[in-house]
Protein backbone atom coordinates (compact mmCIF):
# COMPACT_ATOMS: atom_id res chain seq x y z
CA GLN A 1 -11.36 -24.00 13.56
CA VAL A 2 -9.57 -20.75 12.81
CA GLN A 3 -8.33 -18.29 15.39
CA LEU A 4 -7.69 -14.64 14.55
CA VAL A 5 -5.70 -12.22 16.67
CA GLU A 6 -5.57 -8.51 15.89
CA SER A 7 -2.92 -6.05 16.96
CA GLY A 8 -1.86 -2.49 16.27
CA GLY A 9 -4.80 -0.49 17.54
CA GLY A 10 -4.38 2.60 19.64
CA LEU A 11 -4.82 6.34 19.87
CA VAL A 12 -3.76 8.60 17.02
CA GLN A 13 -4.41 12.19 16.06
CA ALA A 14 -6.42 13.13 13.00
CA GLY A 15 -4.29 12.99 9.89
CA GLY A 16 -2.02 10.34 11.34
CA SER A 17 -1.45 6.74 10.40
CA LEU A 18 -1.83 3.36 12.00
CA ARG A 19 -1.10 -0.19 10.88
CA LEU A 20 -3.20 -3.13 12.02
CA ALA A 21 -2.24 -6.78 11.76
CA CYS A 22 -4.27 -9.96 11.98
CA ALA A 23 -2.59 -13.31 12.45
CA ALA A 24 -4.53 -16.47 11.67
CA SER A 25 -3.89 -19.86 13.20
CA GLY A 26 -5.58 -23.23 13.28
CA SER A 27 -7.12 -24.57 10.07
CA VAL A 28 -5.60 -21.83 7.95
CA SER A 29 -5.77 -23.91 4.77
CA SER A 30 -9.54 -23.46 4.81
CA ILE A 31 -9.34 -19.66 4.51
CA ASP A 32 -10.18 -18.06 1.17
CA VAL A 33 -10.77 -14.41 2.04
CA MET A 34 -9.62 -12.25 4.92
CA GLY A 35 -10.59 -8.73 5.78
CA TRP A 36 -11.55 -6.08 8.28
CA TYR A 37 -14.86 -4.85 9.63
CA ARG A 38 -15.36 -2.04 12.08
CA GLN A 39 -17.99 -1.44 14.71
CA ALA A 40 -18.84 2.14 15.59
CA PRO A 41 -21.86 3.24 17.61
CA GLY A 42 -24.91 2.23 15.61
CA GLN A 43 -23.01 0.92 12.61
CA ARG A 44 -20.98 -2.05 11.43
CA GLU A 45 -19.34 -1.90 8.04
CA LEU A 46 -16.86 -3.65 5.81
CA VAL A 47 -13.55 -1.82 5.73
CA ALA A 48 -11.53 -3.94 3.34
CA ARG A 49 -11.06 -7.50 2.20
CA ILE A 50 -8.50 -9.44 0.24
CA SER A 51 -8.67 -12.84 -1.41
CA SER A 52 -5.94 -15.43 -1.68
CA ASP A 53 -5.12 -14.29 -5.22
CA GLY A 54 -4.56 -10.72 -4.05
CA SER A 55 -7.75 -9.08 -5.29
CA THR A 56 -9.08 -6.41 -2.94
CA ASN A 57 -12.26 -4.57 -2.10
CA TYR A 58 -12.72 -1.45 0.03
CA GLY A 59 -15.58 0.28 1.69
CA ASP A 60 -16.45 3.62 0.16
CA THR A 61 -15.59 5.56 3.30
CA VAL A 62 -11.98 4.36 3.39
CA LYS A 63 -11.16 3.99 -0.29
CA GLY A 64 -8.01 5.91 -1.16
CA ARG A 65 -6.86 6.15 2.46
CA PHE A 66 -6.58 2.53 3.62
CA THR A 67 -4.64 -0.31 2.06
CA ILE A 68 -5.07 -4.00 2.81
CA SER A 69 -2.35 -6.54 2.14
CA ARG A 70 -1.82 -10.22 2.80
CA ASP A 71 1.18 -12.37 3.55
CA ASN A 72 0.06 -15.91 2.84
CA ALA A 73 3.28 -17.41 4.14
CA LYS A 74 2.66 -15.81 7.53
CA ASN A 75 -1.12 -16.23 7.42
CA THR A 76 -1.39 -12.55 8.25
CA VAL A 77 -3.32 -9.61 6.83
CA TYR A 78 -2.46 -5.98 7.37
CA LEU A 79 -4.44 -2.78 7.20
CA GLN A 80 -2.46 0.38 6.60
CA MET A 81 -4.60 3.34 7.63
CA ASN A 82 -3.51 6.79 6.49
CA SER A 83 -5.11 10.22 6.75
CA LEU A 84 -7.16 9.06 9.70
CA LYS A 85 -10.30 10.95 10.62
CA PRO A 86 -12.27 11.06 13.87
CA GLU A 87 -15.06 9.15 12.14
CA ASP A 88 -12.66 6.23 11.72
CA THR A 89 -12.86 5.67 15.47
CA ALA A 90 -14.19 2.16 16.05
CA VAL A 91 -13.35 -1.33 17.15
CA TYR A 92 -11.78 -3.05 14.18
CA TYR A 93 -12.43 -6.77 13.78
CA CYS A 94 -10.45 -9.13 11.63
CA ALA A 95 -12.56 -11.63 9.73
CA ALA A 96 -11.90 -14.69 7.62
CA LEU A 97 -14.10 -16.61 5.21
CA GLY A 98 -13.41 -20.31 5.01
CA THR A 99 -14.90 -23.32 3.35
CA ARG A 100 -18.63 -23.94 3.59
CA SER A 101 -19.20 -20.18 3.89
CA LYS A 102 -18.06 -20.14 7.50
CA PHE A 103 -16.96 -16.85 9.04
CA TYR A 104 -14.35 -16.45 11.74
CA TRP A 105 -13.83 -13.35 13.88
CA GLY A 106 -11.06 -11.91 15.95
CA GLN A 107 -11.50 -10.26 19.32
CA GLY A 108 -11.18 -6.74 17.94
CA THR A 109 -8.71 -3.93 18.40
CA ARG A 110 -9.70 -0.39 19.33
CA VAL A 111 -8.77 2.54 17.11
CA THR A 112 -9.37 6.03 18.45
CA VAL A 113 -8.73 9.09 16.31
CA SER A 114 -8.70 12.39 18.16
CA SER A 115 -9.51 15.72 16.58
């Protein structure tokens, strides 16, 4: 099993920045891809993902503002969020894709962007 723990959420004003972190533990050798999803009222969407070779993918709504990175030695992924907007307000969930197409989820961290 894989355990994921997010940190870094909080309250920020529009235009500000926030950095999220997700630390993985357990059977970390089984992880191929890590990323972030967010849950807002009525919607769940992919924010960003990164593979073990460093390739990345971003959701259209955050492209150009958010940056995902990965430290394989620390089994940690980061999400740098810049130019935050009120519509970015959501619970952000770390996710990992392991062998046999198994998904793992963190507990979530709340991001609130005030106008």
